[in-house]
């Protein structure tokens, strides 16, 4: 019987990462963070009932449907674009746990 352990997978990933170009390693890390986020999302969903989730979604839908919120979102998007065009933005960087760190 050939059983692959968690440690075996870790070693496989390390071997793969060592031979990939850096841009592909970044993609590998991004995908790992995506998978990690899915687990966190699933854990949060387990903590809430379907009724609570639907009620939250309805509240957000109602809030986002207002003219006032749409105008505010458009204003914020315009400000963000202006800052980016003015060179005032930086790429996002993440630590090993997926948290945002200064870039």
Protein backbone atom coordinates (compact mmCIF):
# COMPACT_ATOMS: atom_id res chain seq x y z
CA UNK A 1 0.00 0.00 0.00
CA UNK A 2 1.41 3.36 -1.09
CA UNK A 3 0.17 6.10 1.24
CA UNK A 4 1.17 9.70 0.53
CA UNK A 5 1.42 11.79 3.68
CA UNK A 6 0.97 15.51 4.20
CA UNK A 7 4.74 15.84 4.55
CA UNK A 8 5.22 14.04 1.21
CA UNK A 9 2.99 16.62 -0.48
CA UNK A 10 4.93 19.44 1.18
CA UNK A 11 8.18 18.03 -0.17
CA UNK A 12 6.67 17.63 -3.66
CA UNK A 13 5.54 21.27 -3.64
CA UNK A 14 8.96 22.43 -2.50
CA UNK A 15 10.67 20.44 -5.27
CA UNK A 16 8.28 21.87 -7.84
CA UNK A 17 8.66 25.45 -6.56
CA UNK A 18 12.46 25.23 -6.73
CA UNK A 19 12.46 24.58 -10.49
CA UNK A 20 9.72 27.02 -11.48
CA UNK A 21 10.45 30.54 -12.72
CA UNK A 22 9.67 33.16 -10.07
CA UNK A 23 6.50 34.31 -11.86
CA UNK A 24 5.14 30.76 -11.70
CA UNK A 25 6.09 30.46 -8.02
CA UNK A 26 4.04 33.62 -7.40
CA UNK A 27 1.09 31.95 -9.16
CA UNK A 28 1.55 28.83 -7.05
CA UNK A 29 1.51 30.90 -3.87
CA UNK A 30 -1.53 32.87 -5.07
CA UNK A 31 -3.37 29.61 -5.75
CA UNK A 32 -2.44 28.27 -2.32
CA UNK A 33 -3.81 31.46 -0.74
CA UNK A 34 -6.99 31.06 -2.79
CA UNK A 35 -7.42 27.53 -1.44
CA UNK A 36 -6.72 28.75 2.09
CA UNK A 37 -9.35 31.49 1.70
CA UNK A 38 -11.89 28.92 0.54
CA UNK A 39 -11.35 26.93 3.73
CA UNK A 40 -11.79 30.05 5.84
CA UNK A 41 -14.95 30.92 3.92
CA UNK A 42 -16.34 27.41 4.39
CA UNK A 43 -15.62 27.63 8.13
CA UNK A 44 -17.47 30.95 8.36
CA UNK A 45 -20.46 29.53 6.49
CA UNK A 46 -20.62 26.60 8.90
CA UNK A 47 -20.94 29.09 11.76
CA UNK A 48 -24.00 30.80 10.25
CA UNK A 49 -27.35 29.31 9.41
CA UNK A 50 -28.66 29.57 5.86
CA UNK A 51 -31.40 31.89 7.12
CA UNK A 52 -28.82 34.25 8.65
CA UNK A 53 -26.75 34.26 5.46
CA UNK A 54 -29.81 34.98 3.31
CA UNK A 55 -30.86 37.81 5.64
CA UNK A 56 -27.36 39.34 5.44
CA UNK A 57 -27.39 39.06 1.64
CA UNK A 58 -30.79 40.72 1.45
CA UNK A 59 -29.54 43.61 3.60
CA UNK A 60 -26.49 44.10 1.39
CA UNK A 61 -28.58 43.86 -1.77
CA UNK A 62 -30.98 46.50 -0.45
CA UNK A 63 -28.12 48.77 0.56
CA UNK A 64 -26.30 48.43 -2.77
CA UNK A 65 -29.52 49.05 -4.73
CA UNK A 66 -29.83 52.63 -3.49
CA UNK A 67 -28.80 55.55 -5.69
CA UNK A 68 -26.80 56.96 -2.78
CA UNK A 69 -24.63 53.85 -2.41
CA UNK A 70 -24.05 53.60 -6.17
CA UNK A 71 -22.97 57.26 -6.27
CA UNK A 72 -20.62 56.67 -3.33
CA UNK A 73 -19.10 53.59 -5.00
CA UNK A 74 -18.58 55.52 -8.24
CA UNK A 75 -16.94 58.38 -6.32
CA UNK A 76 -14.62 55.99 -4.47
CA UNK A 77 -13.70 54.21 -7.72
CA UNK A 78 -12.91 57.55 -9.36
CA UNK A 79 -10.72 58.60 -6.44
CA UNK A 80 -8.88 55.27 -6.54
CA UNK A 81 -8.24 55.59 -10.28
CA UNK A 82 -7.00 59.16 -9.87
CA UNK A 83 -4.57 58.08 -7.13
CA UNK A 84 -3.34 55.21 -9.30
CA UNK A 85 -2.85 57.46 -12.34
CA UNK A 86 -0.95 59.93 -10.11
CA UNK A 87 1.43 57.15 -9.04
CA UNK A 88 0.23 57.16 -5.43
CA UNK A 89 -0.60 53.45 -5.28
CA UNK A 90 1.59 50.42 -4.62
CA UNK A 91 1.15 46.74 -5.47
CA UNK A 92 -0.28 44.64 -2.67
CA UNK A 93 2.12 42.30 -0.88
CA UNK A 94 1.24 39.46 1.43
CA UNK A 95 2.98 37.66 4.28
CA UNK A 96 3.23 33.87 4.56
CA UNK A 97 -0.18 33.76 6.26
CA UNK A 98 -1.85 35.71 3.48
CA UNK A 99 -2.08 38.98 5.41
CA UNK A 100 -1.42 42.27 3.64
CA UNK A 101 2.00 43.81 4.38
CA UNK A 102 3.65 47.03 3.16
CA UNK A 103 4.79 46.54 -0.43
